[in-house]
Amino acid sequence: MTRRIERAMTLPRRGDLSVTEVCFAVGFSSPDTFSTRFTELVGVPPGGYRRDHSQTGTGIPSCLAEQVTRPVKNQGARAR
């Protein structure tokens, strides 16, 4: 699930796909489920993320952009 959401986070930056298209591209069959899971892991709904990050990563290699924007599953956990 986390990998699907990570992939979904990279697609809106291109700006050519709608949220629904991203949902199906990463393997979800329901836009509602996609939106719920995305919001749980990322902290903002996919539409808001797309709006805020559509140009993020311009000029940055995709491998670095993915690493920097990777969602943190359990943000309340203490670091070890």
PDB file of N, CA and C in Angstrom:
ATOM      1  N   MET A   1       0.834  -1.192   0.000  1.00  0.00           N
ATOM      2  CA  MET A   1       0.000   0.000   0.000  1.00  0.00           C
ATOM      3  C   MET A   1       0.877   1.253   0.000  1.00  0.00           C
ATOM      4  N   THR A   2       1.897   1.252   0.846  1.00  0.00           N
ATOM      5  CA  THR A   2       2.781   2.416   0.927  1.00  0.00           C
ATOM      6  C   THR A   2       3.496   2.651  -0.395  1.00  0.00           C
ATOM      7  N   ARG A   3       3.920   1.584  -1.056  1.00  0.00           N
ATOM      8  CA  ARG A   3       4.596   1.719  -2.354  1.00  0.00           C
ATOM      9  C   ARG A   3       3.661   2.326  -3.401  1.00  0.00           C
ATOM     10  N   ARG A   4       2.409   1.926  -3.385  1.00  0.00           N
ATOM     11  CA  ARG A   4       1.441   2.502  -4.326  1.00  0.00           C
ATOM     12  C   ARG A   4       1.277   3.996  -4.087  1.00  0.00           C
ATOM     13  N   ILE A   5       1.201   4.363  -2.825  1.00  0.00           N
ATOM     14  CA  ILE A   5       1.039   5.783  -2.493  1.00  0.00           C
ATOM     15  C   ILE A   5       2.305   6.552  -2.864  1.00  0.00           C
ATOM     16  N   GLU A   6       3.484   5.971  -2.635  1.00  0.00           N
ATOM     17  CA  GLU A   6       4.729   6.626  -3.036  1.00  0.00           C
ATOM     18  C   GLU A   6       4.727   6.887  -4.533  1.00  0.00           C
ATOM     19  N   ARG A   7       4.300   5.899  -5.294  1.00  0.00           N
ATOM     20  CA  ARG A   7       4.224   6.063  -6.753  1.00  0.00           C
ATOM     21  C   ARG A   7       3.199   7.140  -7.102  1.00  0.00           C
ATOM     22  N   ALA A   8       2.080   7.136  -6.391  1.00  0.00           N
ATOM     23  CA  ALA A   8       1.036   8.138  -6.632  1.00  0.00           C
ATOM     24  C   ALA A   8       1.544   9.545  -6.331  1.00  0.00           C
ATOM     25  N   MET A   9       2.470   9.675  -5.404  1.00  0.00           N
ATOM     26  CA  MET A   9       3.014  10.989  -5.067  1.00  0.00           C
ATOM     27  C   MET A   9       3.895  11.534  -6.190  1.00  0.00           C
ATOM     28  N   THR A  10       4.501  10.659  -6.981  1.00  0.00           N
ATOM     29  CA  THR A  10       5.370  11.129  -8.059  1.00  0.00           C
ATOM     30  C   THR A  10       4.575  11.526  -9.296  1.00  0.00           C
ATOM     31  N   LEU A  11       3.455  10.880  -9.548  1.00  0.00           N
ATOM     32  CA  LEU A  11       2.694  11.146 -10.766  1.00  0.00           C
ATOM     33  C   LEU A  11       2.079  12.540 -10.838  1.00  0.00           C
ATOM     34  N   PRO A  12       1.502  13.087  -9.771  1.00  0.00           N
ATOM     35  CA  PRO A  12       0.915  14.432  -9.881  1.00  0.00           C
ATOM     36  C   PRO A  12       1.930  15.520 -10.208  1.00  0.00           C
ATOM     37  N   ARG A  13       3.193  15.299  -9.895  1.00  0.00           N
ATOM     38  CA  ARG A  13       4.207  16.302 -10.181  1.00  0.00           C
ATOM     39  C   ARG A  13       4.357  16.546 -11.672  1.00  0.00           C
ATOM     40  N   ARG A  14       4.007  15.535 -12.477  1.00  0.00           N
ATOM     41  CA  ARG A  14       4.085  15.702 -13.932  1.00  0.00           C
ATOM     42  C   ARG A  14       3.002  16.652 -14.418  1.00  0.00           C
ATOM     43  N   GLY A  15       1.854  16.669 -13.723  1.00  0.00           N
ATOM     44  CA  GLY A  15       0.787  17.604 -14.040  1.00  0.00           C
ATOM     45  C   GLY A  15      -0.133  17.207 -15.172  1.00  0.00           C
ATOM     46  N   ASP A  16       0.109  16.064 -15.824  1.00  0.00           N
ATOM     47  CA  ASP A  16      -0.720  15.686 -16.962  1.00  0.00           C
ATOM     48  C   ASP A  16      -1.785  14.644 -16.629  1.00  0.00           C
ATOM     49  N   LEU A  17      -1.830  14.181 -15.384  1.00  0.00           N
ATOM     50  CA  LEU A  17      -2.810  13.176 -14.973  1.00  0.00           C
ATOM     51  C   LEU A  17      -3.737  13.733 -13.907  1.00  0.00           C
ATOM     52  N   SER A  18      -5.009  13.371 -14.005  1.00  0.00           N
ATOM     53  CA  SER A  18      -5.959  13.751 -12.959  1.00  0.00           C
ATOM     54  C   SER A  18      -5.769  12.824 -11.764  1.00  0.00           C
ATOM     55  N   VAL A  19      -6.374  13.166 -10.646  1.00  0.00           N
ATOM     56  CA  VAL A  19      -6.293  12.325  -9.455  1.00  0.00           C
ATOM     57  C   VAL A  19      -6.897  10.947  -9.738  1.00  0.00           C
ATOM     58  N   THR A  20      -7.990  10.894 -10.472  1.00  0.00           N
ATOM     59  CA  THR A  20      -8.619   9.617 -10.802  1.00  0.00           C
ATOM     60  C   THR A  20      -7.692   8.776 -11.678  1.00  0.00           C
ATOM     61  N   GLU A  21      -7.035   9.389 -12.631  1.00  0.00           N
ATOM     62  CA  GLU A  21      -6.098   8.661 -13.484  1.00  0.00           C
ATOM     63  C   GLU A  21      -4.914   8.138 -12.683  1.00  0.00           C
ATOM     64  N   VAL A  22      -4.434   8.922 -11.740  1.00  0.00           N
ATOM     65  CA  VAL A  22      -3.352   8.473 -10.860  1.00  0.00           C
ATOM     66  C   VAL A  22      -3.821   7.279 -10.039  1.00  0.00           C
ATOM     67  N   CYS A  23      -5.035   7.352  -9.519  1.00  0.00           N
ATOM     68  CA  CYS A  23      -5.616   6.276  -8.722  1.00  0.00           C
ATOM     69  C   CYS A  23      -5.553   4.950  -9.471  1.00  0.00           C
ATOM     70  N   PHE A  24      -6.027   4.936 -10.706  1.00  0.00           N
ATOM     71  CA  PHE A  24      -6.039   3.707 -11.492  1.00  0.00           C
ATOM     72  C   PHE A  24      -4.640   3.312 -11.948  1.00  0.00           C
ATOM     73  N   ALA A  25      -3.773   4.288 -12.198  1.00  0.00           N
ATOM     74  CA  ALA A  25      -2.407   4.002 -12.651  1.00  0.00           C
ATOM     75  C   ALA A  25      -1.581   3.271 -11.606  1.00  0.00           C
ATOM     76  N   VAL A  26      -1.865   3.514 -10.336  1.00  0.00           N
ATOM     77  CA  VAL A  26      -1.081   2.865  -9.279  1.00  0.00           C
ATOM     78  C   VAL A  26      -1.764   1.615  -8.719  1.00  0.00           C
ATOM     79  N   GLY A  27      -2.897   1.216  -9.314  1.00  0.00           N
ATOM     80  CA  GLY A  27      -3.480  -0.064  -8.959  1.00  0.00           C
ATOM     81  C   GLY A  27      -4.680  -0.055  -8.038  1.00  0.00           C
ATOM     82  N   PHE A  28      -5.214   1.108  -7.717  1.00  0.00           N
ATOM     83  CA  PHE A  28      -6.429   1.161  -6.910  1.00  0.00           C
ATOM     84  C   PHE A  28      -7.633   1.007  -7.830  1.00  0.00           C
ATOM     85  N   SER A  29      -8.675   0.376  -7.344  1.00  0.00           N
ATOM     86  CA  SER A  29      -9.881   0.223  -8.154  1.00  0.00           C
ATOM     87  C   SER A  29     -10.974   1.199  -7.737  1.00  0.00           C
ATOM     88  N   SER A  30     -10.763   1.893  -6.620  1.00  0.00           N
ATOM     89  CA  SER A  30     -11.762   2.832  -6.124  1.00  0.00           C
ATOM     90  C   SER A  30     -11.105   4.177  -5.792  1.00  0.00           C
ATOM     91  N   PRO A  31     -11.548   5.249  -6.418  1.00  0.00           N
ATOM     92  CA  PRO A  31     -10.998   6.573  -6.084  1.00  0.00           C
ATOM     93  C   PRO A  31     -11.211   6.953  -4.614  1.00  0.00           C
ATOM     94  N   ASP A  32     -12.321   6.498  -4.022  1.00  0.00           N
ATOM     95  CA  ASP A  32     -12.572   6.812  -2.609  1.00  0.00           C
ATOM     96  C   ASP A  32     -11.539   6.136  -1.707  1.00  0.00           C
ATOM     97  N   THR A  33     -11.242   4.864  -1.968  1.00  0.00           N
ATOM     98  CA  THR A  33     -10.236   4.152  -1.188  1.00  0.00           C
ATOM     99  C   THR A  33      -8.873   4.784  -1.380  1.00  0.00           C
ATOM    100  N   PHE A  34      -8.544   5.121  -2.616  1.00  0.00           N
ATOM    101  CA  PHE A  34      -7.273   5.778  -2.905  1.00  0.00           C
ATOM    102  C   PHE A  34      -7.147   7.079  -2.124  1.00  0.00           C
ATOM    103  N   SER A  35      -8.180   7.889  -2.156  1.00  0.00           N
ATOM    104  CA  SER A  35      -8.155   9.171  -1.471  1.00  0.00           C
ATOM    105  C   SER A  35      -7.984   8.999   0.037  1.00  0.00           C
ATOM    106  N   THR A  36      -8.707   8.032   0.595  1.00  0.00           N
ATOM    107  CA  THR A  36      -8.615   7.769   2.035  1.00  0.00           C
ATOM    108  C   THR A  36      -7.213   7.331   2.429  1.00  0.00           C
ATOM    109  N   ARG A  37      -6.659   6.366   1.717  1.00  0.00           N
ATOM    110  CA  ARG A  37      -5.315   5.854   2.034  1.00  0.00           C
ATOM    111  C   ARG A  37      -4.249   6.917   1.812  1.00  0.00           C
ATOM    112  N   PHE A  38      -4.376   7.667   0.733  1.00  0.00           N
ATOM    113  CA  PHE A  38      -3.417   8.729   0.438  1.00  0.00           C
ATOM    114  C   PHE A  38      -3.408   9.747   1.573  1.00  0.00           C
ATOM    115  N   THR A  39      -4.590  10.152   2.003  1.00  0.00           N
ATOM    116  CA  THR A  39      -4.706  11.144   3.079  1.00  0.00           C
ATOM    117  C   THR A  39      -4.133  10.607   4.381  1.00  0.00           C
ATOM    118  N   GLU A  40      -4.370   9.324   4.686  1.00  0.00           N
ATOM    119  CA  GLU A  40      -3.833   8.719   5.916  1.00  0.00           C
ATOM    120  C   GLU A  40      -2.309   8.725   5.917  1.00  0.00           C
ATOM    121  N   LEU A  41      -1.692   8.384   4.789  1.00  0.00           N
ATOM    122  CA  LEU A  41      -0.237   8.270   4.740  1.00  0.00           C
ATOM    123  C   LEU A  41       0.488   9.593   4.517  1.00  0.00           C
ATOM    124  N   VAL A  42      -0.090  10.452   3.715  1.00  0.00           N
ATOM    125  CA  VAL A  42       0.594  11.690   3.337  1.00  0.00           C
ATOM    126  C   VAL A  42       0.177  12.869   4.215  1.00  0.00           C
ATOM    127  N   GLY A  43      -1.065  12.851   4.674  1.00  0.00           N
ATOM    128  CA  GLY A  43      -1.540  13.926   5.546  1.00  0.00           C
ATOM    129  C   GLY A  43      -2.385  14.970   4.840  1.00  0.00           C
ATOM    130  N   VAL A  44      -2.456  14.913   3.533  1.00  0.00           N
ATOM    131  CA  VAL A  44      -3.306  15.808   2.745  1.00  0.00           C
ATOM    132  C   VAL A  44      -3.997  14.979   1.665  1.00  0.00           C
ATOM    133  N   PRO A  45      -5.166  15.411   1.228  1.00  0.00           N
ATOM    134  CA  PRO A  45      -5.844  14.670   0.159  1.00  0.00           C
ATOM    135  C   PRO A  45      -5.065  14.778  -1.150  1.00  0.00           C
ATOM    136  N   PRO A  46      -5.255  13.821  -2.060  1.00  0.00           N
ATOM    137  CA  PRO A  46      -4.485  13.826  -3.306  1.00  0.00           C
ATOM    138  C   PRO A  46      -4.660  15.098  -4.144  1.00  0.00           C
ATOM    139  N   GLY A  47      -5.857  15.666  -4.174  1.00  0.00           N
ATOM    140  CA  GLY A  47      -6.066  16.900  -4.930  1.00  0.00           C
ATOM    141  C   GLY A  47      -5.251  18.054  -4.375  1.00  0.00           C
ATOM    142  N   GLY A  48      -5.210  18.169  -3.054  1.00  0.00           N
ATOM    143  CA  GLY A  48      -4.405  19.209  -2.410  1.00  0.00           C
ATOM    144  C   GLY A  48      -2.923  18.990  -2.625  1.00  0.00           C
ATOM    145  N   TYR A  49      -2.501  17.732  -2.561  1.00  0.00           N
ATOM    146  CA  TYR A  49      -1.098  17.408  -2.800  1.00  0.00           C
ATOM    147  C   TYR A  49      -0.716  17.770  -4.231  1.00  0.00           C
ATOM    148  N   ARG A  50      -1.587  17.424  -5.172  1.00  0.00           N
ATOM    149  CA  ARG A  50      -1.324  17.721  -6.579  1.00  0.00           C
ATOM    150  C   ARG A  50      -1.202  19.231  -6.794  1.00  0.00           C
ATOM    151  N   ARG A  51      -2.099  19.984  -6.206  1.00  0.00           N
ATOM    152  CA  ARG A  51      -2.085  21.437  -6.353  1.00  0.00           C
ATOM    153  C   ARG A  51      -0.798  22.037  -5.759  1.00  0.00           C
ATOM    154  N   ASP A  52      -0.402  21.556  -4.587  1.00  0.00           N
ATOM    155  CA  ASP A  52       0.755  22.121  -3.894  1.00  0.00           C
ATOM    156  C   ASP A  52       2.100  21.653  -4.447  1.00  0.00           C
ATOM    157  N   HIS A  53       2.113  20.467  -5.077  1.00  0.00           N
ATOM    158  CA  HIS A  53       3.383  19.885  -5.505  1.00  0.00           C
ATOM    159  C   HIS A  53       3.494  19.667  -7.012  1.00  0.00           C
ATOM    160  N   SER A  54       2.674  20.308  -7.789  1.00  0.00           N
ATOM    161  CA  SER A  54       2.699  20.063  -9.228  1.00  0.00           C
ATOM    162  C   SER A  54       4.025  20.457  -9.859  1.00  0.00           C
ATOM    163  N   GLN A  55       4.721  21.432  -9.313  1.00  0.00           N
ATOM    164  CA  GLN A  55       6.008  21.842  -9.873  1.00  0.00           C
ATOM    165  C   GLN A  55       7.178  21.450  -8.989  1.00  0.00           C
ATOM    166  N   THR A  56       6.910  20.789  -7.847  1.00  0.00           N
ATOM    167  CA  THR A  56       7.989  20.352  -6.966  1.00  0.00           C
ATOM    168  C   THR A  56       8.819  19.310  -7.686  1.00  0.00           C
ATOM    169  N   GLY A  57      10.094  19.418  -7.576  1.00  0.00           N
ATOM    170  CA  GLY A  57      10.967  18.439  -8.188  1.00  0.00           C
ATOM    171  C   GLY A  57      11.443  18.824  -9.568  1.00  0.00           C
ATOM    172  N   THR A  58      11.027  19.965 -10.047  1.00  0.00           N
ATOM    173  CA  THR A  58      11.496  20.406 -11.349  1.00  0.00           C
ATOM    174  C   THR A  58      13.005  20.618 -11.263  1.00  0.00           C
ATOM    175  N   GLY A  59      13.727  19.918 -12.097  1.00  0.00           N
ATOM    176  CA  GLY A  59      15.180  20.020 -12.097  1.00  0.00           C
ATOM    177  C   GLY A  59      15.867  19.088 -11.123  1.00  0.00           C
ATOM    178  N   ILE A  60      15.115  18.327 -10.346  1.00  0.00           N
ATOM    179  CA  ILE A  60      15.678  17.374  -9.403  1.00  0.00           C
ATOM    180  C   ILE A  60      15.496  15.978  -9.984  1.00  0.00           C
ATOM    181  N   PRO A  61      16.524  15.130  -9.962  1.00  0.00           N
ATOM    182  CA  PRO A  61      16.359  13.765 -10.463  1.00  0.00           C
ATOM    183  C   PRO A  61      15.219  13.060  -9.731  1.00  0.00           C
ATOM    184  N   SER A  62      14.440  12.278 -10.471  1.00  0.00           N
ATOM    185  CA  SER A  62      13.260  11.632  -9.880  1.00  0.00           C
ATOM    186  C   SER A  62      13.614  10.721  -8.713  1.00  0.00           C
ATOM    187  N   CYS A  63      14.794  10.069  -8.770  1.00  0.00           N
ATOM    188  CA  CYS A  63      15.164   9.168  -7.669  1.00  0.00           C
ATOM    189  C   CYS A  63      15.363   9.958  -6.367  1.00  0.00           C
ATOM    190  N   LEU A  64      15.902  11.156  -6.458  1.00  0.00           N
ATOM    191  CA  LEU A  64      16.087  11.999  -5.277  1.00  0.00           C
ATOM    192  C   LEU A  64      14.762  12.581  -4.815  1.00  0.00           C
ATOM    193  N   ALA A  65      13.932  13.022  -5.752  1.00  0.00           N
ATOM    194  CA  ALA A  65      12.629  13.586  -5.400  1.00  0.00           C
ATOM    195  C   ALA A  65      11.778  12.547  -4.689  1.00  0.00           C
ATOM    196  N   GLU A  66      11.812  11.295  -5.138  1.00  0.00           N
ATOM    197  CA  GLU A  66      11.045  10.233  -4.484  1.00  0.00           C
ATOM    198  C   GLU A  66      11.536   9.999  -3.070  1.00  0.00           C
ATOM    199  N   GLN A  67      12.847  10.032  -2.864  1.00  0.00           N
ATOM    200  CA  GLN A  67      13.406   9.804  -1.538  1.00  0.00           C
ATOM    201  C   GLN A  67      13.025  10.932  -0.574  1.00  0.00           C
ATOM    202  N   VAL A  68      13.078  12.149  -1.029  1.00  0.00           N
ATOM    203  CA  VAL A  68      12.792  13.307  -0.185  1.00  0.00           C
ATOM    204  C   VAL A  68      11.315  13.393   0.163  1.00  0.00           C
ATOM    205  N   THR A  69      10.442  12.997  -0.750  1.00  0.00           N
ATOM    206  CA  THR A  69       9.004  13.134  -0.527  1.00  0.00           C
ATOM    207  C   THR A  69       8.338  11.851  -0.064  1.00  0.00           C
ATOM    208  N   ARG A  70       9.113  10.829   0.276  1.00  0.00           N
ATOM    209  CA  ARG A  70       8.554   9.553   0.719  1.00  0.00           C
ATOM    210  C   ARG A  70       7.715   9.757   1.984  1.00  0.00           C
ATOM    211  N   PRO A  71       6.508   9.188   2.024  1.00  0.00           N
ATOM    212  CA  PRO A  71       5.671   9.359   3.211  1.00  0.00           C
ATOM    213  C   PRO A  71       6.234   8.589   4.400  1.00  0.00           C
ATOM    214  N   VAL A  72       6.039   9.118   5.580  1.00  0.00           N
ATOM    215  CA  VAL A  72       6.459   8.473   6.809  1.00  0.00           C
ATOM    216  C   VAL A  72       5.226   7.825   7.410  1.00  0.00           C
ATOM    217  N   LYS A  73       5.231   6.494   7.508  1.00  0.00           N
ATOM    218  CA  LYS A  73       4.034   5.769   7.912  1.00  0.00           C
ATOM    219  C   LYS A  73       3.640   6.064   9.350  1.00  0.00           C
ATOM    220  N   ASN A  74       4.564   6.050  10.266  1.00  0.00           N
ATOM    221  CA  ASN A  74       4.241   6.239  11.669  1.00  0.00           C
ATOM    222  C   ASN A  74       5.030   7.414  12.195  1.00  0.00           C
ATOM    223  N   GLN A  75       4.532   8.607  11.968  1.00  0.00           N
ATOM    224  CA  GLN A  75       5.262   9.810  12.331  1.00  0.00           C
ATOM    225  C   GLN A  75       5.367  10.003  13.838  1.00  0.00           C
ATOM    226  N   GLY A  76       4.514   9.355  14.600  1.00  0.00           N
ATOM    227  CA  GLY A  76       4.552   9.513  16.052  1.00  0.00           C
ATOM    228  C   GLY A  76       5.543   8.599  16.735  1.00  0.00           C
ATOM    229  N   ALA A  77       6.141   7.651  16.011  1.00  0.00           N
ATOM    230  CA  ALA A  77       7.077   6.714  16.610  1.00  0.00           C
ATOM    231  C   ALA A  77       8.404   7.409  16.914  1.00  0.00           C
ATOM    232  N   ARG A  78       9.032   6.960  17.978  1.00  0.00           N
ATOM    233  CA  ARG A  78      10.340   7.510  18.328  1.00  0.00           C
ATOM    234  C   ARG A  78      11.405   6.923  17.431  1.00  0.00           C
ATOM    235  N   ALA A  79      12.414   7.721  17.106  1.00  0.00           N
ATOM    236  CA  ALA A  79      13.545   7.234  16.317  1.00  0.00           C
ATOM    237  C   ALA A  79      14.401   6.333  17.182  1.00  0.00           C
ATOM    238  N   ARG A  80      14.944   5.303  16.577  1.00  0.00           N
ATOM    239  CA  ARG A  80      15.810   4.380  17.341  1.00  0.00           C
ATOM    240  C   ARG A  80      17.249   4.643  17.074  1.00  0.00           C
TER     241      ARG A  80
END
